[in-house]
Amino acid sequence: MGSIFKPKMPSLPPPPPAPEPPSEELSAEEKEAIKKEQDAIRRRRKGRSETILTSPLGIQEDKEDQLETLLGKK
């Protein structure tokens, strides 16, 4: 009996037309801006990696280097 009192669903409107894809060619200015940004990222990445003194294997020192203290070698 519930189906008698339920209104029917209206049909959906047609979908909007698909937008045109953007042009894939970049201007010289855009290419230069992208290159500068990537170079800056590489410089920052290089600077950070040079501050890390250990390798994934741990500290790589000779036995003699480990014995040094503030007062000299033991």
PDB file of N, CA and C in Angstrom:
ATOM      1  N   MET A   1       0.789  -1.170   0.000  1.00  0.00           N
ATOM      2  CA  MET A   1       0.000   0.000   0.000  1.00  0.00           C
ATOM      3  C   MET A   1       0.859   1.273   0.000  1.00  0.00           C
ATOM      4  N   GLY A   2       2.112   1.160   0.429  1.00  0.00           N
ATOM      5  CA  GLY A   2       2.992   2.307   0.481  1.00  0.00           C
ATOM      6  C   GLY A   2       3.351   2.834  -0.892  1.00  0.00           C
ATOM      7  N   SER A   3       3.343   1.978  -1.910  1.00  0.00           N
ATOM      8  CA  SER A   3       3.757   2.431  -3.235  1.00  0.00           C
ATOM      9  C   SER A   3       2.710   3.327  -3.892  1.00  0.00           C
ATOM     10  N   ILE A   4       1.508   3.296  -3.423  1.00  0.00           N
ATOM     11  CA  ILE A   4       0.454   4.117  -4.009  1.00  0.00           C
ATOM     12  C   ILE A   4       0.674   5.590  -3.654  1.00  0.00           C
ATOM     13  N   PHE A   5       1.159   5.855  -2.451  1.00  0.00           N
ATOM     14  CA  PHE A   5       1.282   7.219  -1.980  1.00  0.00           C
ATOM     15  C   PHE A   5       2.666   7.838  -2.215  1.00  0.00           C
ATOM     16  N   LYS A   6       3.640   7.052  -2.733  1.00  0.00           N
ATOM     17  CA  LYS A   6       4.983   7.582  -2.980  1.00  0.00           C
ATOM     18  C   LYS A   6       5.019   8.260  -4.347  1.00  0.00           C
ATOM     19  N   PRO A   7       5.570   9.469  -4.406  1.00  0.00           N
ATOM     20  CA  PRO A   7       5.677  10.120  -5.719  1.00  0.00           C
ATOM     21  C   PRO A   7       6.807   9.475  -6.535  1.00  0.00           C
ATOM     22  N   LYS A   8       6.688   9.510  -7.833  1.00  0.00           N
ATOM     23  CA  LYS A   8       7.727   8.965  -8.707  1.00  0.00           C
ATOM     24  C   LYS A   8       8.889   9.953  -8.759  1.00  0.00           C
ATOM     25  N   MET A   9      10.104   9.404  -8.882  1.00  0.00           N
ATOM     26  CA  MET A   9      11.311  10.228  -8.975  1.00  0.00           C
ATOM     27  C   MET A   9      11.358  10.890 -10.350  1.00  0.00           C
ATOM     28  N   PRO A  10      11.658  12.180 -10.397  1.00  0.00           N
ATOM     29  CA  PRO A  10      11.795  12.826 -11.710  1.00  0.00           C
ATOM     30  C   PRO A  10      13.068  12.337 -12.395  1.00  0.00           C
ATOM     31  N   SER A  11      13.099  12.364 -13.709  1.00  0.00           N
ATOM     32  CA  SER A  11      14.293  11.921 -14.444  1.00  0.00           C
ATOM     33  C   SER A  11      15.411  12.944 -14.240  1.00  0.00           C
ATOM     34  N   LEU A  12      16.633  12.465 -14.308  1.00  0.00           N
ATOM     35  CA  LEU A  12      17.804  13.319 -14.097  1.00  0.00           C
ATOM     36  C   LEU A  12      18.047  14.178 -15.330  1.00  0.00           C
ATOM     37  N   PRO A  13      18.553  15.383 -15.131  1.00  0.00           N
ATOM     38  CA  PRO A  13      18.872  16.227 -16.286  1.00  0.00           C
ATOM     39  C   PRO A  13      20.097  15.657 -17.006  1.00  0.00           C
ATOM     40  N   PRO A  14      20.289  15.957 -18.267  1.00  0.00           N
ATOM     41  CA  PRO A  14      21.459  15.436 -18.992  1.00  0.00           C
ATOM     42  C   PRO A  14      22.745  16.024 -18.402  1.00  0.00           C
ATOM     43  N   PRO A  15      23.835  15.272 -18.449  1.00  0.00           N
ATOM     44  CA  PRO A  15      25.096  15.775 -17.877  1.00  0.00           C
ATOM     45  C   PRO A  15      25.638  16.934 -18.708  1.00  0.00           C
ATOM     46  N   PRO A  16      26.375  17.837 -18.076  1.00  0.00           N
ATOM     47  CA  PRO A  16      26.941  18.969 -18.823  1.00  0.00           C
ATOM     48  C   PRO A  16      28.024  18.469 -19.778  1.00  0.00           C
ATOM     49  N   PRO A  17      28.298  19.203 -20.833  1.00  0.00           N
ATOM     50  CA  PRO A  17      29.340  18.774 -21.776  1.00  0.00           C
ATOM     51  C   PRO A  17      30.711  18.792 -21.089  1.00  0.00           C
ATOM     52  N   ALA A  18      31.578  17.897 -21.511  1.00  0.00           N
ATOM     53  CA  ALA A  18      32.914  17.788 -20.920  1.00  0.00           C
ATOM     54  C   ALA A  18      33.742  19.023 -21.288  1.00  0.00           C
ATOM     55  N   PRO A  19      34.539  19.545 -20.349  1.00  0.00           N
ATOM     56  CA  PRO A  19      35.374  20.709 -20.662  1.00  0.00           C
ATOM     57  C   PRO A  19      36.504  20.300 -21.605  1.00  0.00           C
ATOM     58  N   GLU A  20      36.987  21.250 -22.362  1.00  0.00           N
ATOM     59  CA  GLU A  20      38.087  20.970 -23.277  1.00  0.00           C
ATOM     60  C   GLU A  20      39.374  20.784 -22.478  1.00  0.00           C
ATOM     61  N   PRO A  21      40.196  19.824 -22.877  1.00  0.00           N
ATOM     62  CA  PRO A  21      41.455  19.612 -22.140  1.00  0.00           C
ATOM     63  C   PRO A  21      42.399  20.793 -22.349  1.00  0.00           C
ATOM     64  N   PRO A  22      43.205  21.105 -21.345  1.00  0.00           N
ATOM     65  CA  PRO A  22      44.142  22.230 -21.487  1.00  0.00           C
ATOM     66  C   PRO A  22      45.234  21.879 -22.495  1.00  0.00           C
ATOM     67  N   SER A  23      45.832  22.892 -23.074  1.00  0.00           N
ATOM     68  CA  SER A  23      46.908  22.641 -24.029  1.00  0.00           C
ATOM     69  C   SER A  23      48.104  22.071 -23.272  1.00  0.00           C
ATOM     70  N   GLU A  24      48.784  21.136 -23.901  1.00  0.00           N
ATOM     71  CA  GLU A  24      49.880  20.448 -23.220  1.00  0.00           C
ATOM     72  C   GLU A  24      51.215  21.156 -23.404  1.00  0.00           C
ATOM     73  N   GLU A  25      51.282  22.120 -24.297  1.00  0.00           N
ATOM     74  CA  GLU A  25      52.526  22.831 -24.514  1.00  0.00           C
ATOM     75  C   GLU A  25      52.656  23.965 -23.506  1.00  0.00           C
ATOM     76  N   LEU A  26      53.841  24.079 -22.929  1.00  0.00           N
ATOM     77  CA  LEU A  26      54.111  25.127 -21.958  1.00  0.00           C
ATOM     78  C   LEU A  26      54.899  26.243 -22.624  1.00  0.00           C
ATOM     79  N   SER A  27      54.669  27.445 -22.188  1.00  0.00           N
ATOM     80  CA  SER A  27      55.428  28.569 -22.725  1.00  0.00           C
ATOM     81  C   SER A  27      56.840  28.525 -22.149  1.00  0.00           C
ATOM     82  N   ALA A  28      57.722  29.308 -22.740  1.00  0.00           N
ATOM     83  CA  ALA A  28      59.113  29.342 -22.280  1.00  0.00           C
ATOM     84  C   ALA A  28      59.181  29.861 -20.849  1.00  0.00           C
ATOM     85  N   GLU A  29      58.327  30.822 -20.500  1.00  0.00           N
ATOM     86  CA  GLU A  29      58.323  31.366 -19.141  1.00  0.00           C
ATOM     87  C   GLU A  29      57.915  30.305 -18.130  1.00  0.00           C
ATOM     88  N   GLU A  30      56.901  29.512 -18.467  1.00  0.00           N
ATOM     89  CA  GLU A  30      56.447  28.460 -17.554  1.00  0.00           C
ATOM     90  C   GLU A  30      57.519  27.396 -17.383  1.00  0.00           C
ATOM     91  N   LYS A  31      58.184  27.020 -18.488  1.00  0.00           N
ATOM     92  CA  LYS A  31      59.255  26.020 -18.409  1.00  0.00           C
ATOM     93  C   LYS A  31      60.389  26.523 -17.531  1.00  0.00           C
ATOM     94  N   GLU A  32      60.742  27.792 -17.678  1.00  0.00           N
ATOM     95  CA  GLU A  32      61.821  28.360 -16.880  1.00  0.00           C
ATOM     96  C   GLU A  32      61.451  28.404 -15.394  1.00  0.00           C
ATOM     97  N   ALA A  33      60.208  28.760 -15.096  1.00  0.00           N
ATOM     98  CA  ALA A  33      59.762  28.810 -13.699  1.00  0.00           C
ATOM     99  C   ALA A  33      59.791  27.407 -13.083  1.00  0.00           C
ATOM    100  N   ILE A  34      59.371  26.404 -13.831  1.00  0.00           N
ATOM    101  CA  ILE A  34      59.384  25.030 -13.333  1.00  0.00           C
ATOM    102  C   ILE A  34      60.813  24.575 -13.087  1.00  0.00           C
ATOM    103  N   LYS A  35      61.727  24.911 -14.017  1.00  0.00           N
ATOM    104  CA  LYS A  35      63.131  24.511 -13.865  1.00  0.00           C
ATOM    105  C   LYS A  35      63.752  25.161 -12.630  1.00  0.00           C
ATOM    106  N   LYS A  36      63.472  26.460 -12.409  1.00  0.00           N
ATOM    107  CA  LYS A  36      64.009  27.146 -11.228  1.00  0.00           C
ATOM    108  C   LYS A  36      63.500  26.508  -9.942  1.00  0.00           C
ATOM    109  N   GLU A  37      62.229  26.163  -9.918  1.00  0.00           N
ATOM    110  CA  GLU A  37      61.645  25.550  -8.722  1.00  0.00           C
ATOM    111  C   GLU A  37      62.270  24.182  -8.453  1.00  0.00           C
ATOM    112  N   GLN A  38      62.462  23.374  -9.500  1.00  0.00           N
ATOM    113  CA  GLN A  38      63.065  22.053  -9.321  1.00  0.00           C
ATOM    114  C   GLN A  38      64.520  22.166  -8.885  1.00  0.00           C
ATOM    115  N   ASP A  39      65.257  23.150  -9.430  1.00  0.00           N
ATOM    116  CA  ASP A  39      66.645  23.360  -9.010  1.00  0.00           C
ATOM    117  C   ASP A  39      66.718  23.751  -7.537  1.00  0.00           C
ATOM    118  N   ALA A  40      65.805  24.602  -7.098  1.00  0.00           N
ATOM    119  CA  ALA A  40      65.784  25.012  -5.692  1.00  0.00           C
ATOM    120  C   ALA A  40      65.497  23.819  -4.787  1.00  0.00           C
ATOM    121  N   ILE A  41      64.603  22.954  -5.205  1.00  0.00           N
ATOM    122  CA  ILE A  41      64.287  21.759  -4.419  1.00  0.00           C
ATOM    123  C   ILE A  41      65.515  20.861  -4.329  1.00  0.00           C
ATOM    124  N   ARG A  42      66.226  20.690  -5.448  1.00  0.00           N
ATOM    125  CA  ARG A  42      67.438  19.848  -5.434  1.00  0.00           C
ATOM    126  C   ARG A  42      68.499  20.436  -4.514  1.00  0.00           C
ATOM    127  N   ARG A  43      68.669  21.772  -4.548  1.00  0.00           N
ATOM    128  CA  ARG A  43      69.662  22.407  -3.668  1.00  0.00           C
ATOM    129  C   ARG A  43      69.320  22.193  -2.200  1.00  0.00           C
ATOM    130  N   ARG A  44      68.048  22.360  -1.854  1.00  0.00           N
ATOM    131  CA  ARG A  44      67.643  22.149  -0.460  1.00  0.00           C
ATOM    132  C   ARG A  44      67.846  20.707  -0.049  1.00  0.00           C
ATOM    133  N   ARG A  45      67.528  19.785  -0.932  1.00  0.00           N
ATOM    134  CA  ARG A  45      67.679  18.365  -0.625  1.00  0.00           C
ATOM    135  C   ARG A  45      69.154  18.022  -0.450  1.00  0.00           C
ATOM    136  N   LYS A  46      70.026  18.580  -1.306  1.00  0.00           N
ATOM    137  CA  LYS A  46      71.452  18.317  -1.216  1.00  0.00           C
ATOM    138  C   LYS A  46      72.012  18.894   0.079  1.00  0.00           C
ATOM    139  N   GLY A  47      71.605  20.108   0.429  1.00  0.00           N
ATOM    140  CA  GLY A  47      72.096  20.738   1.647  1.00  0.00           C
ATOM    141  C   GLY A  47      71.717  19.951   2.885  1.00  0.00           C
ATOM    142  N   ARG A  48      70.525  19.405   2.907  1.00  0.00           N
ATOM    143  CA  ARG A  48      70.091  18.620   4.065  1.00  0.00           C
ATOM    144  C   ARG A  48      70.867  17.312   4.149  1.00  0.00           C
ATOM    145  N   SER A  49      71.104  16.663   3.031  1.00  0.00           N
ATOM    146  CA  SER A  49      71.793  15.367   3.073  1.00  0.00           C
ATOM    147  C   SER A  49      73.245  15.522   3.495  1.00  0.00           C
ATOM    148  N   GLU A  50      73.840  16.679   3.217  1.00  0.00           N
ATOM    149  CA  GLU A  50      75.225  16.884   3.617  1.00  0.00           C
ATOM    150  C   GLU A  50      75.367  17.143   5.111  1.00  0.00           C
ATOM    151  N   THR A  51      74.292  17.491   5.793  1.00  0.00           N
ATOM    152  CA  THR A  51      74.381  17.709   7.229  1.00  0.00           C
ATOM    153  C   THR A  51      74.247  16.412   8.014  1.00  0.00           C
ATOM    154  N   ILE A  52      73.758  15.362   7.375  1.00  0.00           N
ATOM    155  CA  ILE A  52      73.592  14.084   8.060  1.00  0.00           C
ATOM    156  C   ILE A  52      74.940  13.368   8.055  1.00  0.00           C
ATOM    157  N   LEU A  53      75.473  13.065   9.227  1.00  0.00           N
ATOM    158  CA  LEU A  53      76.819  12.519   9.338  1.00  0.00           C
ATOM    159  C   LEU A  53      76.853  11.000   9.405  1.00  0.00           C
ATOM    160  N   THR A  54      75.724  10.362   9.531  1.00  0.00           N
ATOM    161  CA  THR A  54      75.715   8.906   9.585  1.00  0.00           C
ATOM    162  C   THR A  54      75.096   8.349   8.317  1.00  0.00           C
ATOM    163  N   SER A  55      75.446   7.117   8.019  1.00  0.00           N
ATOM    164  CA  SER A  55      74.873   6.445   6.864  1.00  0.00           C
ATOM    165  C   SER A  55      73.777   5.509   7.357  1.00  0.00           C
ATOM    166  N   PRO A  56      73.070   4.850   6.463  1.00  0.00           N
ATOM    167  CA  PRO A  56      72.062   3.888   6.910  1.00  0.00           C
ATOM    168  C   PRO A  56      72.664   2.732   7.711  1.00  0.00           C
ATOM    169  N   LEU A  57      73.982   2.531   7.564  1.00  0.00           N
ATOM    170  CA  LEU A  57      74.652   1.456   8.301  1.00  0.00           C
ATOM    171  C   LEU A  57      75.123   1.903   9.683  1.00  0.00           C
ATOM    172  N   GLY A  58      74.991   3.166   9.990  1.00  0.00           N
ATOM    173  CA  GLY A  58      75.431   3.680  11.277  1.00  0.00           C
ATOM    174  C   GLY A  58      76.671   4.535  11.112  1.00  0.00           C
ATOM    175  N   ILE A  59      77.356   4.820  12.206  1.00  0.00           N
ATOM    176  CA  ILE A  59      78.552   5.662  12.171  1.00  0.00           C
ATOM    177  C   ILE A  59      79.689   4.849  11.570  1.00  0.00           C
ATOM    178  N   GLN A  60      80.363   5.428  10.600  1.00  0.00           N
ATOM    179  CA  GLN A  60      81.457   4.752   9.910  1.00  0.00           C
ATOM    180  C   GLN A  60      82.768   5.453  10.253  1.00  0.00           C
ATOM    181  N   GLU A  61      83.351   5.143  11.386  1.00  0.00           N
ATOM    182  CA  GLU A  61      84.619   5.742  11.808  1.00  0.00           C
ATOM    183  C   GLU A  61      85.651   4.651  12.024  1.00  0.00           C
ATOM    184  N   ASP A  62      86.909   5.046  11.906  1.00  0.00           N
ATOM    185  CA  ASP A  62      87.993   4.122  12.240  1.00  0.00           C
ATOM    186  C   ASP A  62      88.106   4.038  13.759  1.00  0.00           C
ATOM    187  N   LYS A  63      88.810   3.019  14.238  1.00  0.00           N
ATOM    188  CA  LYS A  63      89.008   2.872  15.684  1.00  0.00           C
ATOM    189  C   LYS A  63      89.763   4.077  16.243  1.00  0.00           C
ATOM    190  N   GLU A  64      90.737   4.598  15.499  1.00  0.00           N
ATOM    191  CA  GLU A  64      91.527   5.721  15.985  1.00  0.00           C
ATOM    192  C   GLU A  64      90.669   6.973  16.140  1.00  0.00           C
ATOM    193  N   ASP A  65      89.752   7.194  15.223  1.00  0.00           N
ATOM    194  CA  ASP A  65      88.899   8.376  15.305  1.00  0.00           C
ATOM    195  C   ASP A  65      87.955   8.287  16.499  1.00  0.00           C
ATOM    196  N   GLN A  66      87.564   7.102  16.883  1.00  0.00           N
ATOM    197  CA  GLN A  66      86.651   6.932  17.997  1.00  0.00           C
ATOM    198  C   GLN A  66      87.330   7.236  19.332  1.00  0.00           C
ATOM    199  N   LEU A  67      88.653   7.113  19.396  1.00  0.00           N
ATOM    200  CA  LEU A  67      89.371   7.292  20.655  1.00  0.00           C
ATOM    201  C   LEU A  67      89.673   8.757  20.960  1.00  0.00           C
ATOM    202  N   GLU A  68      89.463   9.651  20.016  1.00  0.00           N
ATOM    203  CA  GLU A  68      89.758  11.060  20.264  1.00  0.00           C
ATOM    204  C   GLU A  68      88.825  11.646  21.325  1.00  0.00           C
ATOM    205  N   THR A  69      89.375  12.467  22.191  1.00  0.00           N
ATOM    206  CA  THR A  69      88.595  13.164  23.196  1.00  0.00           C
ATOM    207  C   THR A  69      88.887  14.647  23.088  1.00  0.00           C
ATOM    208  N   LEU A  70      88.356  15.424  23.972  1.00  0.00           N
ATOM    209  CA  LEU A  70      88.623  16.852  23.969  1.00  0.00           C
ATOM    210  C   LEU A  70      90.071  17.162  24.345  1.00  0.00           C
ATOM    211  N   LEU A  71      90.679  16.279  25.119  1.00  0.00           N
ATOM    212  CA  LEU A  71      92.058  16.511  25.577  1.00  0.00           C
ATOM    213  C   LEU A  71      93.079  15.887  24.629  1.00  0.00           C
ATOM    214  N   GLY A  72      92.672  15.149  23.653  1.00  0.00           N
ATOM    215  CA  GLY A  72      93.595  14.518  22.719  1.00  0.00           C
ATOM    216  C   GLY A  72      93.279  13.035  22.609  1.00  0.00           C
ATOM    217  N   LYS A  73      94.181  12.316  21.948  1.00  0.00           N
ATOM    218  CA  LYS A  73      93.965  10.872  21.776  1.00  0.00           C
ATOM    219  C   LYS A  73      94.320  10.126  23.043  1.00  0.00           C
ATOM    220  N   LYS A  74      93.623   9.047  23.284  1.00  0.00           N
ATOM    221  CA  LYS A  74      93.900   8.228  24.473  1.00  0.00           C
ATOM    222  C   LYS A  74      95.062   7.335  24.236  1.00  0.00           C
TER     223      LYS A  74
END
